[in-house]
Amino acid sequence: MKYGSIVCTILFVLSVILTVVQVWFTPFSSEIFWKLLFTLGAFFVAALAITLVMREYFSERELKKKGYLD
């Protein structure tokens, strides 16, 4: 979970920085800006999903190892 939260935080901060830079300086066309923002959002969702699935997998594996689950 540690690495996933770091990756998600970095992606979120990059999205915020990209948005602020776009609002103040307009370095990208609106089409490119939205493509970049949606791409960062997709990576964020993918990283979050992978992190949650891995946490559940390792949590369940540990519970089985200790005999709490069949």
C-alpha atoms as a PDB file:
ATOM      1  CA  MET A   1       0.000   0.000   0.000  1.00  0.00           C
ATOM      2  CA  LYS A   2       2.919   2.308   0.677  1.00  0.00           C
ATOM      3  CA  TYR A   3       4.167   2.378  -2.904  1.00  0.00           C
ATOM      4  CA  GLY A   4       0.692   2.698  -4.338  1.00  0.00           C
ATOM      5  CA  SER A   5      -0.141   5.666  -2.152  1.00  0.00           C
ATOM      6  CA  ILE A   6       3.118   7.341  -3.173  1.00  0.00           C
ATOM      7  CA  VAL A   7       2.382   6.771  -6.866  1.00  0.00           C
ATOM      8  CA  CYS A   8      -1.200   8.017  -6.510  1.00  0.00           C
ATOM      9  CA  THR A   9      -0.039  11.109  -4.623  1.00  0.00           C
ATOM     10  CA  ILE A  10       2.565  11.895  -7.282  1.00  0.00           C
ATOM     11  CA  LEU A  11      -0.002  11.488 -10.070  1.00  0.00           C
ATOM     12  CA  PHE A  12      -2.475  13.715  -8.240  1.00  0.00           C
ATOM     13  CA  VAL A  13       0.130  16.421  -7.639  1.00  0.00           C
ATOM     14  CA  LEU A  14       1.195  16.268 -11.302  1.00  0.00           C
ATOM     15  CA  SER A  15      -2.433  16.729 -12.352  1.00  0.00           C
ATOM     16  CA  VAL A  16      -2.835  19.744 -10.086  1.00  0.00           C
ATOM     17  CA  ILE A  17       0.419  21.291 -11.319  1.00  0.00           C
ATOM     18  CA  LEU A  18      -0.565  20.653 -14.939  1.00  0.00           C
ATOM     19  CA  THR A  19      -3.946  22.301 -14.379  1.00  0.00           C
ATOM     20  CA  VAL A  20      -2.488  25.373 -12.639  1.00  0.00           C
ATOM     21  CA  VAL A  21       0.158  25.804 -15.339  1.00  0.00           C
ATOM     22  CA  GLN A  22      -2.490  25.458 -18.046  1.00  0.00           C
ATOM     23  CA  VAL A  23      -4.736  28.053 -16.387  1.00  0.00           C
ATOM     24  CA  TRP A  24      -1.970  30.616 -15.930  1.00  0.00           C
ATOM     25  CA  PHE A  25       0.294  30.117 -18.951  1.00  0.00           C
ATOM     26  CA  THR A  26      -1.600  27.960 -21.515  1.00  0.00           C
ATOM     27  CA  PRO A  27       1.430  25.986 -22.784  1.00  0.00           C
ATOM     28  CA  PHE A  28      -0.753  23.284 -24.385  1.00  0.00           C
ATOM     29  CA  SER A  29      -3.723  23.397 -26.701  1.00  0.00           C
ATOM     30  CA  SER A  30      -6.958  22.454 -24.974  1.00  0.00           C
ATOM     31  CA  GLU A  31      -7.042  19.101 -26.808  1.00  0.00           C
ATOM     32  CA  ILE A  32      -3.549  18.122 -25.633  1.00  0.00           C
ATOM     33  CA  PHE A  33      -4.271  19.367 -22.112  1.00  0.00           C
ATOM     34  CA  TRP A  34      -7.383  17.191 -21.778  1.00  0.00           C
ATOM     35  CA  LYS A  35      -5.564  14.191 -23.207  1.00  0.00           C
ATOM     36  CA  LEU A  36      -2.770  14.631 -20.646  1.00  0.00           C
ATOM     37  CA  LEU A  37      -5.239  15.120 -17.805  1.00  0.00           C
ATOM     38  CA  PHE A  38      -7.304  12.051 -18.752  1.00  0.00           C
ATOM     39  CA  THR A  39      -4.115   9.987 -19.105  1.00  0.00           C
ATOM     40  CA  LEU A  40      -2.937  11.001 -15.636  1.00  0.00           C
ATOM     41  CA  GLY A  41      -6.409  10.203 -14.305  1.00  0.00           C
ATOM     42  CA  ALA A  42      -6.378   6.767 -15.928  1.00  0.00           C
ATOM     43  CA  PHE A  43      -2.946   6.022 -14.455  1.00  0.00           C
ATOM     44  CA  PHE A  44      -4.213   7.200 -11.054  1.00  0.00           C
ATOM     45  CA  VAL A  45      -7.225   4.882 -11.172  1.00  0.00           C
ATOM     46  CA  ALA A  46      -5.099   1.959 -12.390  1.00  0.00           C
ATOM     47  CA  ALA A  47      -2.498   2.479  -9.658  1.00  0.00           C
ATOM     48  CA  LEU A  48      -5.211   2.747  -7.016  1.00  0.00           C
ATOM     49  CA  ALA A  49      -6.964  -0.412  -8.231  1.00  0.00           C
ATOM     50  CA  ILE A  50      -3.731  -2.411  -8.374  1.00  0.00           C
ATOM     51  CA  THR A  51      -2.784  -1.219  -4.896  1.00  0.00           C
ATOM     52  CA  LEU A  52      -6.138  -2.190  -3.403  1.00  0.00           C
ATOM     53  CA  VAL A  53      -6.182  -5.602  -5.093  1.00  0.00           C
ATOM     54  CA  MET A  54      -2.638  -6.365  -3.922  1.00  0.00           C
ATOM     55  CA  ARG A  55      -3.458  -5.288  -0.363  1.00  0.00           C
ATOM     56  CA  GLU A  56      -6.506  -7.550  -0.272  1.00  0.00           C
ATOM     57  CA  TYR A  57      -4.519 -10.457  -1.718  1.00  0.00           C
ATOM     58  CA  PHE A  58      -1.713 -10.175   0.831  1.00  0.00           C
ATOM     59  CA  SER A  59      -4.148  -9.595   3.689  1.00  0.00           C
ATOM     60  CA  GLU A  60      -6.139 -12.707   2.757  1.00  0.00           C
ATOM     61  CA  ARG A  61      -2.967 -14.735   2.324  1.00  0.00           C
ATOM     62  CA  GLU A  62      -1.776 -13.734   5.792  1.00  0.00           C
ATOM     63  CA  LEU A  63      -5.145 -14.608   7.352  1.00  0.00           C
ATOM     64  CA  LYS A  64      -5.056 -18.049   5.692  1.00  0.00           C
ATOM     65  CA  LYS A  65      -1.499 -18.575   6.918  1.00  0.00           C
ATOM     66  CA  LYS A  66      -2.564 -17.828  10.500  1.00  0.00           C
ATOM     67  CA  GLY A  67      -5.554 -20.170  10.204  1.00  0.00           C
ATOM     68  CA  TYR A  68      -8.339 -17.587  10.354  1.00  0.00           C
ATOM     69  CA  LEU A  69      -9.663 -18.471   6.872  1.00  0.00           C
ATOM     70  CA  ASP A  70     -10.226 -21.833   5.216  1.00  0.00           C
END
